[in-house]
Amino acid sequence: MTTPSSSCAARTQQALVLLLSQQLMDAQLVRADRPGSNRLWQEVGALEIEPERIENLLYCGLDGSDRQALIAEDNAWLSRRTPQPRRQWNVWGRRRQSCRSGIGISTAAGSGAQLSTR
């Protein structure tokens, strides 16, 4: 059984997920507002909400104004997901990718950019 505070936190997060999903449906799918959509995805990242959770609601085929259906779909998604490690987000709202190729670029005074391997 969950404690009252955790169930309250879960309900609060679900309310945020539904609100962001509805706003993204409008910005991304109805108005094709790229800057607005990008800002909303940045908000998803800042709140550390799993992007797959939002994507599920965006593309599940439900009407964005049917809040009860969205809640049911979100609950179903939560029950069937397997916990994944948290993703790190960069400033642009996308996952950080580590570069381990061993190639670096250095700029020495007067010599311009130089490609080197580490």
C-alpha atoms as a PDB file:
ATOM      1  CA  MET A   1       0.000   0.000   0.000  1.00  0.00           C
ATOM      2  CA  THR A   2       1.271   3.471  -0.784  1.00  0.00           C
ATOM      3  CA  THR A   3       1.567   6.216   1.770  1.00  0.00           C
ATOM      4  CA  PRO A   4      -0.763   9.201   1.413  1.00  0.00           C
ATOM      5  CA  SER A   5       2.093  11.502   0.455  1.00  0.00           C
ATOM      6  CA  SER A   6       3.346   9.201  -2.314  1.00  0.00           C
ATOM      7  CA  SER A   7      -0.125   8.705  -3.754  1.00  0.00           C
ATOM      8  CA  CYS A   8      -0.623  12.473  -3.622  1.00  0.00           C
ATOM      9  CA  ALA A   9       2.713  12.925  -5.413  1.00  0.00           C
ATOM     10  CA  ALA A  10       1.694  10.328  -8.012  1.00  0.00           C
ATOM     11  CA  ARG A  11      -1.620  12.104  -8.624  1.00  0.00           C
ATOM     12  CA  THR A  12       0.159  15.442  -8.907  1.00  0.00           C
ATOM     13  CA  GLN A  13       2.650  14.027 -11.393  1.00  0.00           C
ATOM     14  CA  GLN A  14      -0.138  12.399 -13.398  1.00  0.00           C
ATOM     15  CA  ALA A  15      -1.966  15.740 -13.538  1.00  0.00           C
ATOM     16  CA  LEU A  16       1.235  17.335 -14.901  1.00  0.00           C
ATOM     17  CA  VAL A  17       1.661  14.515 -17.421  1.00  0.00           C
ATOM     18  CA  LEU A  18      -1.920  14.936 -18.655  1.00  0.00           C
ATOM     19  CA  LEU A  19      -1.615  18.717 -18.875  1.00  0.00           C
ATOM     20  CA  LEU A  20       1.686  18.572 -20.768  1.00  0.00           C
ATOM     21  CA  SER A  21       0.321  15.868 -23.077  1.00  0.00           C
ATOM     22  CA  GLN A  22      -2.753  17.929 -23.884  1.00  0.00           C
ATOM     23  CA  GLN A  23      -0.630  21.036 -24.498  1.00  0.00           C
ATOM     24  CA  LEU A  24       1.754  19.049 -26.707  1.00  0.00           C
ATOM     25  CA  MET A  25      -1.168  17.609 -28.681  1.00  0.00           C
ATOM     26  CA  ASP A  26      -2.290  21.140 -29.385  1.00  0.00           C
ATOM     27  CA  ALA A  27       1.150  22.614 -30.090  1.00  0.00           C
ATOM     28  CA  GLN A  28       2.596  19.695 -32.028  1.00  0.00           C
ATOM     29  CA  LEU A  29      -0.329  18.020 -33.750  1.00  0.00           C
ATOM     30  CA  VAL A  30      -2.914  20.783 -34.172  1.00  0.00           C
ATOM     31  CA  ARG A  31      -0.974  24.046 -34.563  1.00  0.00           C
ATOM     32  CA  ALA A  32       2.400  22.649 -35.760  1.00  0.00           C
ATOM     33  CA  ASP A  33       4.078  25.134 -33.395  1.00  0.00           C
ATOM     34  CA  ARG A  34       7.697  23.985 -33.295  1.00  0.00           C
ATOM     35  CA  PRO A  35       8.967  26.592 -30.773  1.00  0.00           C
ATOM     36  CA  GLY A  36       5.995  25.960 -28.484  1.00  0.00           C
ATOM     37  CA  SER A  37       6.459  22.218 -28.790  1.00  0.00           C
ATOM     38  CA  ASN A  38      10.179  22.519 -28.001  1.00  0.00           C
ATOM     39  CA  ARG A  39       9.431  24.581 -24.886  1.00  0.00           C
ATOM     40  CA  LEU A  40       6.954  21.966 -23.690  1.00  0.00           C
ATOM     41  CA  TRP A  41       9.454  19.126 -24.248  1.00  0.00           C
ATOM     42  CA  GLN A  42      12.009  21.141 -22.272  1.00  0.00           C
ATOM     43  CA  GLU A  43       9.461  21.363 -19.472  1.00  0.00           C
ATOM     44  CA  VAL A  44       9.017  17.573 -19.603  1.00  0.00           C
ATOM     45  CA  GLY A  45      12.784  17.228 -19.218  1.00  0.00           C
ATOM     46  CA  ALA A  46      12.995  19.795 -16.423  1.00  0.00           C
ATOM     47  CA  LEU A  47      10.295  17.933 -14.492  1.00  0.00           C
ATOM     48  CA  GLU A  48      12.125  14.629 -15.139  1.00  0.00           C
ATOM     49  CA  ILE A  49       9.036  13.013 -16.635  1.00  0.00           C
ATOM     50  CA  GLU A  50       9.729   9.993 -18.818  1.00  0.00           C
ATOM     51  CA  PRO A  51       9.290  11.118 -22.447  1.00  0.00           C
ATOM     52  CA  GLU A  52       7.871   7.690 -23.341  1.00  0.00           C
ATOM     53  CA  ARG A  53       4.999   8.342 -20.949  1.00  0.00           C
ATOM     54  CA  ILE A  54       4.101  11.549 -22.789  1.00  0.00           C
ATOM     55  CA  GLU A  55       4.615   9.923 -26.209  1.00  0.00           C
ATOM     56  CA  ASN A  56       2.231   7.126 -25.245  1.00  0.00           C
ATOM     57  CA  LEU A  57      -0.528   9.646 -24.555  1.00  0.00           C
ATOM     58  CA  LEU A  58       0.270  11.651 -27.691  1.00  0.00           C
ATOM     59  CA  TYR A  59       0.053   8.704 -30.067  1.00  0.00           C
ATOM     60  CA  CYS A  60      -2.393   6.303 -28.385  1.00  0.00           C
ATOM     61  CA  GLY A  61      -5.236   7.596 -30.555  1.00  0.00           C
ATOM     62  CA  LEU A  62      -7.358   9.062 -27.770  1.00  0.00           C
ATOM     63  CA  ASP A  63      -9.079  12.425 -27.873  1.00  0.00           C
ATOM     64  CA  GLY A  64      -6.964  14.888 -25.903  1.00  0.00           C
ATOM     65  CA  SER A  65     -10.056  16.421 -24.315  1.00  0.00           C
ATOM     66  CA  ASP A  66     -11.219  13.089 -22.813  1.00  0.00           C
ATOM     67  CA  ARG A  67      -9.412  13.364 -19.487  1.00  0.00           C
ATOM     68  CA  GLN A  68     -10.820  10.134 -18.022  1.00  0.00           C
ATOM     69  CA  ALA A  69      -9.669   8.112 -21.047  1.00  0.00           C
ATOM     70  CA  LEU A  70      -6.206   9.690 -20.817  1.00  0.00           C
ATOM     71  CA  ILE A  71      -6.009   8.830 -17.108  1.00  0.00           C
ATOM     72  CA  ALA A  72      -6.987   5.228 -17.848  1.00  0.00           C
ATOM     73  CA  GLU A  73      -4.386   4.989 -20.628  1.00  0.00           C
ATOM     74  CA  ASP A  74      -1.681   6.521 -18.430  1.00  0.00           C
ATOM     75  CA  ASN A  75      -2.499   4.101 -15.605  1.00  0.00           C
ATOM     76  CA  ALA A  76      -2.324   1.195 -18.061  1.00  0.00           C
ATOM     77  CA  TRP A  77       1.058   2.430 -19.342  1.00  0.00           C
ATOM     78  CA  LEU A  78       2.366   2.762 -15.779  1.00  0.00           C
ATOM     79  CA  SER A  79       1.258  -0.775 -14.929  1.00  0.00           C
ATOM     80  CA  ARG A  80       2.961  -2.376 -17.947  1.00  0.00           C
ATOM     81  CA  ARG A  81       6.216  -0.417 -18.048  1.00  0.00           C
ATOM     82  CA  THR A  82       9.457  -1.719 -16.692  1.00  0.00           C
ATOM     83  CA  PRO A  83      11.463   0.799 -14.692  1.00  0.00           C
ATOM     84  CA  GLN A  84      14.270   2.291 -16.743  1.00  0.00           C
ATOM     85  CA  PRO A  85      17.279   4.198 -15.477  1.00  0.00           C
ATOM     86  CA  ARG A  86      16.721   7.947 -15.405  1.00  0.00           C
ATOM     87  CA  ARG A  87      17.766   9.808 -18.518  1.00  0.00           C
ATOM     88  CA  GLN A  88      19.834  12.940 -18.343  1.00  0.00           C
ATOM     89  CA  TRP A  89      18.579  15.919 -20.295  1.00  0.00           C
ATOM     90  CA  ASN A  90      20.629  18.696 -21.787  1.00  0.00           C
ATOM     91  CA  VAL A  91      19.576  22.294 -22.314  1.00  0.00           C
ATOM     92  CA  TRP A  92      17.697  21.489 -25.521  1.00  0.00           C
ATOM     93  CA  GLY A  93      15.500  18.824 -23.948  1.00  0.00           C
ATOM     94  CA  ARG A  94      17.204  15.879 -25.582  1.00  0.00           C
ATOM     95  CA  ARG A  95      19.068  13.037 -23.971  1.00  0.00           C
ATOM     96  CA  ARG A  96      22.748  13.516 -23.399  1.00  0.00           C
ATOM     97  CA  GLN A  97      24.930  11.207 -25.383  1.00  0.00           C
ATOM     98  CA  SER A  98      28.431  10.500 -24.273  1.00  0.00           C
ATOM     99  CA  CYS A  99      31.118  10.607 -26.885  1.00  0.00           C
ATOM    100  CA  ARG A 100      33.826   8.068 -26.216  1.00  0.00           C
ATOM    101  CA  SER A 101      35.489   8.049 -29.581  1.00  0.00           C
ATOM    102  CA  GLY A 102      38.757   9.455 -28.243  1.00  0.00           C
ATOM    103  CA  ILE A 103      38.832  12.239 -30.821  1.00  0.00           C
ATOM    104  CA  GLY A 104      39.125  15.836 -29.684  1.00  0.00           C
ATOM    105  CA  ILE A 105      39.539  19.238 -31.255  1.00  0.00           C
ATOM    106  CA  SER A 106      41.980  21.712 -29.799  1.00  0.00           C
ATOM    107  CA  THR A 107      42.721  25.262 -30.794  1.00  0.00           C
ATOM    108  CA  ALA A 108      46.208  26.531 -30.192  1.00  0.00           C
ATOM    109  CA  ALA A 109      46.927  30.229 -30.602  1.00  0.00           C
ATOM    110  CA  GLY A 110      47.760  31.015 -34.202  1.00  0.00           C
ATOM    111  CA  SER A 111      47.413  27.441 -35.460  1.00  0.00           C
ATOM    112  CA  GLY A 112      43.647  27.185 -35.899  1.00  0.00           C
ATOM    113  CA  ALA A 113      41.635  24.099 -34.968  1.00  0.00           C
ATOM    114  CA  GLN A 114      43.532  20.835 -34.819  1.00  0.00           C
ATOM    115  CA  LEU A 115      42.058  17.358 -34.733  1.00  0.00           C
ATOM    116  CA  SER A 116      43.759  15.000 -32.337  1.00  0.00           C
ATOM    117  CA  THR A 117      43.189  11.595 -30.819  1.00  0.00           C
ATOM    118  CA  ARG A 118      43.465  11.137 -27.076  1.00  0.00           C
END
